[in-house]
Amino acid sequence: MRTYHPVFVGRDPALRAPAGADVVSLATHGRAATFSYLLTRRSDRMVKEISDRGVRILHAHFGVEGVYLVPTARTLGVPLVTTLHGFDVTVTKKQLLASRKPSWINYVARRDSLFDTGVKFICVSGHIQRCAIEWGYPAERTLMLPIGVDTEVVTPVPLPETPRIVHVARLVEKKGTADLLRAFAVVRRAVPAAELVIIGDGPLRGPLGALATELGVAETVRFLGARPHAEVLATVAQSRVLCLPSVTAANGDQEGLGMALLEAAATGRPVVGTRHGGIPEAVVDGVTGYLVPERDPAALADRLVALLGDPDLCQRLGTGGRTLIEDRFDLSRQTAKLESLYRELV
């Protein structure tokens, strides 16, 4: 940001706060304070710490946190903006209630308070904006404003020699990792030197490892777990293509946009994704990468083989991806739009 100073506020400890960041964490006041806030959405300590810092606007990420900040916004008399990212408007209310998570139950039960108090609801893609309106958010206060990529930090790099595919995702059903493993088994038969690197962790890590073994590709699939952002970018740069074959999960959860797609494109890498959620807004079929139907490993394998076997095609689509990022997802321009919104509201 150029004109606003951010204060990071959360219920949990700030384990990876940016260097020099101003942080307010309820965890510093003990479990009782966090548990009370979890149940009631109220914390006099948090209100005081925010007030003492002269905060003039509150910006929640995800609708769940927006609901939790409503009492604080009302007490302080400051505008409340909420960014909607995905599950908060794609998972059904019934499924959220069935989760038995206090925060998700509060979100469903108290959502009207957010609809009444929130001044703007930022959606990371057109798909999420449509879902938000269907979910009940007031259409006239929604707007689309994707998060951008720092094009001065993330820059194009030459294609590597190794025909490597990279997949960056939390290992949950929505990310389609199982479909990628099945596609990769086919890819290996066509491109014997092909490798697959999976960055991310999650509840499906064990079953996915077992699937790789069952498919006979365990020796050429590397599960790296969660890695620092700089290492993720370096691994993307060392790969020929990024693949994110997201699917609609059983509970309705869908992809909002996919920052990994945008960063890969900024690096000059083609992307293979699915016609799902906000992915088609980040991947232009035949221009910046390829789109295939959800849950179609055969189609996925076909596109991956085409890219791994044709460096010139990778280069052409990668260049198209970089142009798309510069035109539509440049971080400095996206941040300027956000700060302009803040000025209007304050």
Protein backbone atom coordinates (compact mmCIF):
# COMPACT_ATOMS: atom_id res chain seq x y z
CA MET A 1 0.00 0.00 0.00
CA ARG A 2 1.11 3.57 -0.75
CA THR A 3 -1.16 5.74 1.41
CA TYR A 4 -2.61 3.39 4.04
CA HIS A 5 -0.80 1.57 6.83
CA PRO A 6 -2.21 -1.92 7.51
CA VAL A 7 -2.77 -3.35 10.98
CA PHE A 8 -3.15 -7.14 10.92
CA VAL A 9 -5.88 -8.32 13.30
CA GLY A 10 -6.66 -11.93 14.15
CA ARG A 11 -7.91 -14.41 16.68
CA ASP A 12 -4.85 -16.66 16.32
CA PRO A 13 -1.10 -15.97 16.66
CA ALA A 14 0.47 -14.14 13.72
CA LEU A 15 3.04 -16.78 12.80
CA ARG A 16 4.10 -15.23 9.49
CA ALA A 17 3.31 -11.55 9.80
CA PRO A 18 5.23 -9.35 7.32
CA ALA A 19 8.43 -7.80 8.69
CA GLY A 20 7.66 -4.69 10.70
CA ALA A 21 3.92 -5.31 10.59
CA ASP A 22 1.62 -3.90 13.24
CA VAL A 23 -0.26 -6.91 14.63
CA VAL A 24 -3.20 -7.32 17.01
CA SER A 25 -3.71 -10.93 18.09
CA LEU A 26 -6.22 -12.10 20.67
CA ALA A 27 -4.00 -15.12 21.30
CA THR A 28 -1.65 -12.88 23.32
CA HIS A 29 -4.45 -12.56 25.91
CA GLY A 30 -4.85 -16.32 26.39
CA ARG A 31 -7.26 -19.03 25.37
CA ALA A 32 -10.16 -17.63 27.35
CA ALA A 33 -10.07 -14.42 25.31
CA THR A 34 -10.00 -16.26 21.98
CA PHE A 35 -12.72 -18.70 23.03
CA SER A 36 -14.99 -15.89 24.21
CA TYR A 37 -14.55 -14.05 20.91
CA LEU A 38 -15.19 -17.27 18.98
CA LEU A 39 -18.56 -17.67 20.67
CA THR A 40 -19.70 -14.06 21.08
CA ARG A 41 -17.86 -12.13 18.30
CA ARG A 42 -17.01 -9.50 20.91
CA SER A 43 -13.71 -8.48 22.50
CA ASP A 44 -13.22 -5.27 24.46
CA ARG A 45 -9.46 -5.85 24.31
CA MET A 46 -9.46 -6.04 20.52
CA VAL A 47 -11.65 -2.95 20.21
CA LYS A 48 -9.29 -0.99 22.46
CA GLU A 49 -6.15 -2.10 20.63
CA ILE A 50 -7.65 -1.21 17.26
CA SER A 51 -8.97 2.10 18.56
CA ASP A 52 -5.59 3.00 20.10
CA ARG A 53 -4.02 2.62 16.66
CA GLY A 54 -6.43 5.09 15.07
CA VAL A 55 -7.84 2.56 12.62
CA ARG A 56 -10.27 4.24 10.22
CA ILE A 57 -11.50 1.27 8.20
CA LEU A 58 -11.86 -2.48 8.82
CA HIS A 59 -11.25 -4.95 5.99
CA ALA A 60 -12.16 -8.59 6.63
CA HIS A 61 -10.95 -11.44 4.44
CA PHE A 62 -13.68 -14.10 3.98
CA GLY A 63 -17.31 -13.60 4.91
CA VAL A 64 -16.83 -15.55 8.15
CA GLU A 65 -14.41 -12.93 9.48
CA GLY A 66 -16.69 -10.19 8.18
CA VAL A 67 -19.50 -11.47 10.42
CA TYR A 68 -17.09 -11.57 13.36
CA LEU A 69 -16.02 -7.96 12.82
CA VAL A 70 -19.55 -6.53 12.71
CA PRO A 71 -19.76 -5.73 16.47
CA THR A 72 -16.28 -4.14 16.38
CA ALA A 73 -17.14 -2.01 13.34
CA ARG A 74 -20.35 -0.83 15.01
CA THR A 75 -18.58 0.00 18.27
CA LEU A 76 -15.83 1.95 16.54
CA GLY A 77 -18.15 3.56 14.00
CA VAL A 78 -15.84 2.75 11.05
CA PRO A 79 -16.68 1.27 7.62
CA LEU A 80 -16.43 -2.53 7.21
CA VAL A 81 -15.26 -3.99 3.89
CA THR A 82 -15.22 -7.75 3.32
CA THR A 83 -13.41 -9.70 0.61
CA LEU A 84 -15.12 -12.93 -0.45
CA HIS A 85 -12.69 -15.59 -1.68
CA GLY A 86 -14.54 -18.85 -2.36
CA PHE A 87 -15.89 -21.29 0.21
CA ASP A 88 -17.70 -18.46 2.02
CA VAL A 89 -20.17 -18.15 -0.87
CA THR A 90 -19.95 -21.56 -2.57
CA VAL A 91 -20.43 -23.97 0.35
CA THR A 92 -24.13 -24.32 1.12
CA LYS A 93 -25.54 -22.95 4.35
CA LYS A 94 -26.66 -26.45 5.27
CA GLN A 95 -23.14 -27.79 4.89
CA LEU A 96 -21.65 -24.94 6.91
CA LEU A 97 -24.06 -25.65 9.76
CA ALA A 98 -23.34 -29.38 9.53
CA SER A 99 -19.62 -28.69 10.03
CA ARG A 100 -20.31 -27.90 13.72
CA LYS A 101 -17.56 -25.27 13.62
CA PRO A 102 -18.61 -22.36 15.86
CA SER A 103 -17.25 -19.76 13.42
CA TRP A 104 -19.12 -21.26 10.45
CA ILE A 105 -22.33 -21.62 12.45
CA ASN A 106 -22.01 -17.98 13.54
CA TYR A 107 -21.48 -17.01 9.90
CA VAL A 108 -24.75 -18.57 8.80
CA ALA A 109 -26.74 -17.51 11.87
CA ARG A 110 -25.52 -13.90 11.92
CA ARG A 111 -25.02 -13.24 8.21
CA ASP A 112 -27.82 -10.65 8.11
CA SER A 113 -25.78 -8.44 10.46
CA LEU A 114 -22.97 -8.40 7.88
CA PHE A 115 -25.40 -7.71 5.03
CA ASP A 116 -26.74 -4.74 7.03
CA THR A 117 -23.40 -3.34 8.26
CA GLY A 118 -20.92 -4.10 5.46
CA VAL A 119 -20.39 -1.14 3.16
CA LYS A 120 -18.69 -3.09 0.34
CA PHE A 121 -18.21 -6.75 -0.54
CA ILE A 122 -15.17 -7.32 -2.73
CA CYS A 123 -15.24 -10.47 -4.88
CA VAL A 124 -12.00 -11.98 -6.19
CA SER A 125 -13.62 -13.01 -9.48
CA GLY A 126 -16.80 -12.57 -11.48
CA HIS A 127 -17.75 -16.13 -10.57
CA ILE A 128 -17.49 -15.36 -6.86
CA GLN A 129 -19.51 -12.17 -7.35
CA ARG A 130 -22.34 -14.15 -8.94
CA CYS A 131 -22.17 -16.74 -6.15
CA ALA A 132 -22.19 -14.01 -3.49
CA ILE A 133 -25.38 -12.50 -4.87
CA GLU A 134 -27.02 -15.93 -5.03
CA TRP A 135 -25.87 -16.58 -1.44
CA GLY A 136 -27.71 -13.45 -0.29
CA TYR A 137 -25.16 -10.64 -0.37
CA PRO A 138 -26.68 -7.29 -1.49
CA ALA A 139 -25.86 -7.04 -5.20
CA GLU A 140 -25.53 -3.24 -5.22
CA ARG A 141 -22.69 -3.37 -2.69
CA THR A 142 -20.64 -6.10 -4.38
CA LEU A 143 -17.79 -5.38 -6.74
CA MET A 144 -15.12 -7.48 -8.45
CA LEU A 145 -11.52 -6.69 -7.53
CA PRO A 146 -9.05 -9.57 -7.94
CA ILE A 147 -5.89 -9.64 -5.86
CA GLY A 148 -2.88 -8.90 -8.05
CA VAL A 149 0.64 -10.21 -8.61
CA ASP A 150 3.77 -8.13 -8.04
CA THR A 151 5.08 -8.11 -11.61
CA GLU A 152 8.31 -6.44 -10.52
CA VAL A 153 9.15 -9.35 -8.21
CA VAL A 154 7.62 -12.23 -10.18
CA THR A 155 9.23 -12.04 -13.61
CA PRO A 156 9.53 -14.37 -16.64
CA VAL A 157 12.36 -16.92 -16.59
CA PRO A 158 13.62 -19.33 -19.29
CA LEU A 159 11.98 -22.74 -19.64
CA PRO A 160 13.84 -25.57 -17.87
CA GLU A 161 15.18 -28.64 -19.63
CA THR A 162 13.27 -31.08 -17.41
CA PRO A 163 9.63 -31.78 -18.44
CA ARG A 164 8.31 -31.02 -14.96
CA ILE A 165 4.72 -30.29 -13.92
CA VAL A 166 4.08 -28.33 -10.72
CA HIS A 167 0.89 -28.34 -8.67
CA VAL A 168 0.49 -25.76 -5.87
CA ALA A 169 -2.53 -26.38 -3.68
CA ARG A 170 -3.86 -27.29 -0.29
CA LEU A 171 -4.48 -31.03 -0.44
CA VAL A 172 -8.27 -31.04 -0.24
CA GLU A 173 -10.93 -32.40 -2.57
CA LYS A 174 -11.56 -29.05 -4.29
CA LYS A 175 -8.05 -28.87 -5.78
CA GLY A 176 -8.47 -31.99 -7.95
CA THR A 177 -5.06 -33.45 -7.05
CA ALA A 178 -6.32 -37.04 -7.41
CA ASP A 179 -7.35 -36.31 -11.01
CA LEU A 180 -3.89 -34.88 -11.67
CA LEU A 181 -2.21 -38.03 -10.34
CA ARG A 182 -4.38 -40.20 -12.61
CA ALA A 183 -3.55 -37.95 -15.57
CA PHE A 184 0.15 -38.04 -14.71
CA ALA A 185 0.17 -41.85 -14.91
CA VAL A 186 -0.90 -41.44 -18.56
CA VAL A 187 1.59 -38.61 -19.13
CA ARG A 188 4.47 -40.81 -17.94
CA ARG A 189 3.74 -43.35 -20.65
CA ALA A 190 3.96 -40.67 -23.35
CA VAL A 191 6.77 -38.62 -21.75
CA PRO A 192 8.94 -41.05 -19.71
CA ALA A 193 11.12 -38.24 -18.31
CA ALA A 194 8.14 -36.31 -16.93
CA GLU A 195 8.10 -35.33 -13.26
CA LEU A 196 5.36 -34.03 -10.97
CA VAL A 197 6.04 -31.78 -7.99
CA ILE A 198 3.21 -31.15 -5.53
CA ILE A 199 3.53 -28.21 -3.12
CA GLY A 200 1.06 -27.98 -0.27
CA ASP A 201 -0.31 -30.02 2.60
CA GLY A 202 -3.72 -31.00 3.88
CA PRO A 203 -5.97 -33.81 5.05
CA LEU A 204 -5.65 -35.79 1.80
CA ARG A 205 -1.85 -36.08 1.91
CA GLY A 206 -1.94 -39.73 3.01
CA PRO A 207 -4.59 -40.95 0.53
CA LEU A 208 -2.89 -39.08 -2.34
CA GLY A 209 0.45 -40.68 -1.54
CA ALA A 210 -1.24 -44.09 -1.54
CA LEU A 211 -2.88 -43.28 -4.90
CA ALA A 212 0.50 -42.36 -6.41
CA THR A 213 1.85 -45.74 -5.28
CA GLU A 214 -1.20 -47.56 -6.64
CA LEU A 215 -0.78 -45.83 -10.02
CA GLY A 216 2.93 -46.74 -10.14
CA VAL A 217 4.16 -43.13 -10.24
CA ALA A 218 5.30 -42.66 -6.64
CA GLU A 219 8.99 -42.52 -7.65
CA THR A 220 8.40 -39.60 -10.02
CA VAL A 221 5.99 -37.61 -7.83
CA ARG A 222 7.46 -35.41 -5.10
CA PHE A 223 5.24 -34.18 -2.27
CA LEU A 224 7.09 -31.17 -0.85
CA GLY A 225 4.47 -30.10 1.70
CA ALA A 226 3.86 -26.43 2.49
CA ARG A 227 6.84 -24.30 1.47
CA PRO A 228 7.80 -20.60 1.85
CA HIS A 229 6.50 -18.33 -0.90
CA ALA A 230 9.96 -17.68 -2.38
CA GLU A 231 10.58 -21.42 -2.66
CA VAL A 232 7.19 -21.92 -4.33
CA LEU A 233 8.05 -19.32 -6.97
CA ALA A 234 11.46 -20.91 -7.54
CA THR A 235 9.88 -24.34 -8.04
CA VAL A 236 7.34 -22.91 -10.50
CA ALA A 237 10.24 -21.34 -12.42
CA GLN A 238 11.95 -24.75 -12.57
CA SER A 239 8.83 -26.36 -14.11
CA ARG A 240 7.42 -26.37 -17.64
CA VAL A 241 3.75 -26.04 -16.69
CA LEU A 242 1.52 -25.46 -13.67
CA CYS A 243 -1.60 -27.57 -13.33
CA LEU A 244 -4.63 -26.80 -11.15
CA PRO A 245 -7.53 -29.14 -12.07
CA SER A 246 -9.97 -27.88 -9.42
CA VAL A 247 -13.40 -29.47 -8.98
CA THR A 248 -16.59 -28.71 -7.10
CA ALA A 249 -16.26 -30.47 -3.75
CA ALA A 250 -19.02 -32.59 -2.23
CA ASN A 251 -19.96 -29.70 0.09
CA GLY A 252 -20.16 -27.26 -2.84
CA ASP A 253 -16.77 -25.58 -2.23
CA GLN A 254 -15.34 -24.01 -5.40
CA GLU A 255 -12.24 -22.14 -6.51
CA GLY A 256 -12.43 -18.35 -6.24
CA LEU A 257 -9.60 -17.54 -8.63
CA GLY A 258 -6.33 -19.28 -7.71
CA MET A 259 -3.31 -17.11 -6.93
CA ALA A 260 -0.98 -19.94 -7.98
CA LEU A 261 -2.36 -19.62 -11.52
CA LEU A 262 -1.65 -15.91 -11.65
CA GLU A 263 1.88 -16.21 -10.26
CA ALA A 264 2.72 -19.03 -12.68
CA ALA A 265 1.50 -16.93 -15.60
CA ALA A 266 3.57 -13.98 -14.36
CA THR A 267 6.61 -16.29 -14.42
CA GLY A 268 5.87 -17.04 -18.07
CA ARG A 269 4.52 -20.52 -17.50
CA PRO A 270 1.46 -21.94 -19.28
CA VAL A 271 -1.31 -23.20 -17.02
CA VAL A 272 -3.62 -26.17 -17.40
CA GLY A 273 -6.80 -25.82 -15.38
CA THR A 274 -10.45 -26.81 -15.39
CA ARG A 275 -13.56 -24.99 -16.49
CA HIS A 276 -14.42 -24.41 -12.89
CA GLY A 277 -15.09 -21.48 -10.57
CA GLY A 278 -12.97 -18.44 -11.35
CA ILE A 279 -10.25 -20.36 -13.22
CA PRO A 280 -11.48 -19.37 -16.72
CA GLU A 281 -10.97 -15.73 -15.67
CA ALA A 282 -7.28 -16.44 -15.07
CA VAL A 283 -6.64 -18.92 -17.91
CA VAL A 284 -7.56 -18.13 -21.52
CA ASP A 285 -7.85 -21.41 -23.40
CA GLY A 286 -5.29 -21.61 -26.20
CA VAL A 287 -3.82 -18.19 -25.31
CA THR A 288 -2.31 -18.53 -21.82
CA GLY A 289 -2.82 -22.26 -21.28
CA TYR A 290 -5.59 -24.84 -21.57
CA LEU A 291 -8.92 -25.54 -19.92
CA VAL A 292 -10.43 -29.01 -19.61
CA PRO A 293 -13.67 -30.29 -18.03
CA GLU A 294 -13.74 -31.09 -14.32
CA ARG A 295 -12.89 -34.68 -13.29
CA ASP A 296 -11.50 -35.62 -16.73
CA PRO A 297 -7.99 -37.09 -16.27
CA ALA A 298 -7.82 -38.16 -19.93
CA ALA A 299 -8.35 -34.61 -21.22
CA LEU A 300 -5.92 -33.33 -18.60
CA ALA A 301 -3.25 -35.80 -19.69
CA ASP A 302 -3.75 -34.88 -23.35
CA ARG A 303 -3.04 -31.19 -22.72
CA LEU A 304 -0.11 -31.87 -20.40
CA VAL A 305 1.53 -34.18 -22.95
CA ALA A 306 1.08 -31.55 -25.66
CA LEU A 307 2.85 -28.92 -23.55
CA LEU A 308 5.66 -31.12 -22.25
CA GLY A 309 6.47 -32.25 -25.77
CA ASP A 310 6.53 -28.78 -27.34
CA PRO A 311 8.76 -26.13 -25.70
CA ASP A 312 7.80 -23.57 -28.36
CA LEU A 313 4.12 -23.99 -27.46
CA CYS A 314 5.00 -23.57 -23.78
CA GLN A 315 6.88 -20.39 -24.60
CA ARG A 316 4.04 -18.94 -26.68
CA LEU A 317 1.36 -19.64 -24.08
CA GLY A 318 3.66 -18.49 -21.29
CA THR A 319 4.17 -15.17 -23.04
CA GLY A 320 0.40 -14.84 -23.41
CA GLY A 321 0.02 -15.48 -19.69
CA ARG A 322 2.53 -12.82 -18.75
CA THR A 323 0.70 -10.29 -20.94
CA LEU A 324 -2.61 -11.17 -19.27
CA ILE A 325 -1.13 -10.60 -15.81
CA GLU A 326 0.35 -7.24 -16.80
CA ASP A 327 -2.95 -6.13 -18.33
CA ARG A 328 -5.45 -7.37 -15.72
CA PHE A 329 -3.74 -8.50 -12.53
CA ASP A 330 -0.83 -6.16 -11.85
CA LEU A 331 -0.53 -5.73 -8.07
CA SER A 332 0.26 -2.02 -8.07
CA ARG A 333 -2.83 -1.22 -10.15
CA GLN A 334 -5.07 -3.54 -8.12
CA THR A 335 -3.81 -2.03 -4.86
CA ALA A 336 -4.39 1.49 -6.20
CA LYS A 337 -8.01 0.53 -6.90
CA LEU A 338 -8.37 -0.80 -3.35
CA GLU A 339 -6.89 2.33 -1.80
CA SER A 340 -9.16 4.47 -3.98
CA LEU A 341 -12.11 2.53 -2.56
CA TYR A 342 -10.82 3.12 0.99
CA ARG A 343 -10.64 6.90 0.32
CA GLU A 344 -14.23 6.95 -0.92
CA LEU A 345 -15.48 5.10 2.14
CA VAL A 346 -13.46 7.04 4.73
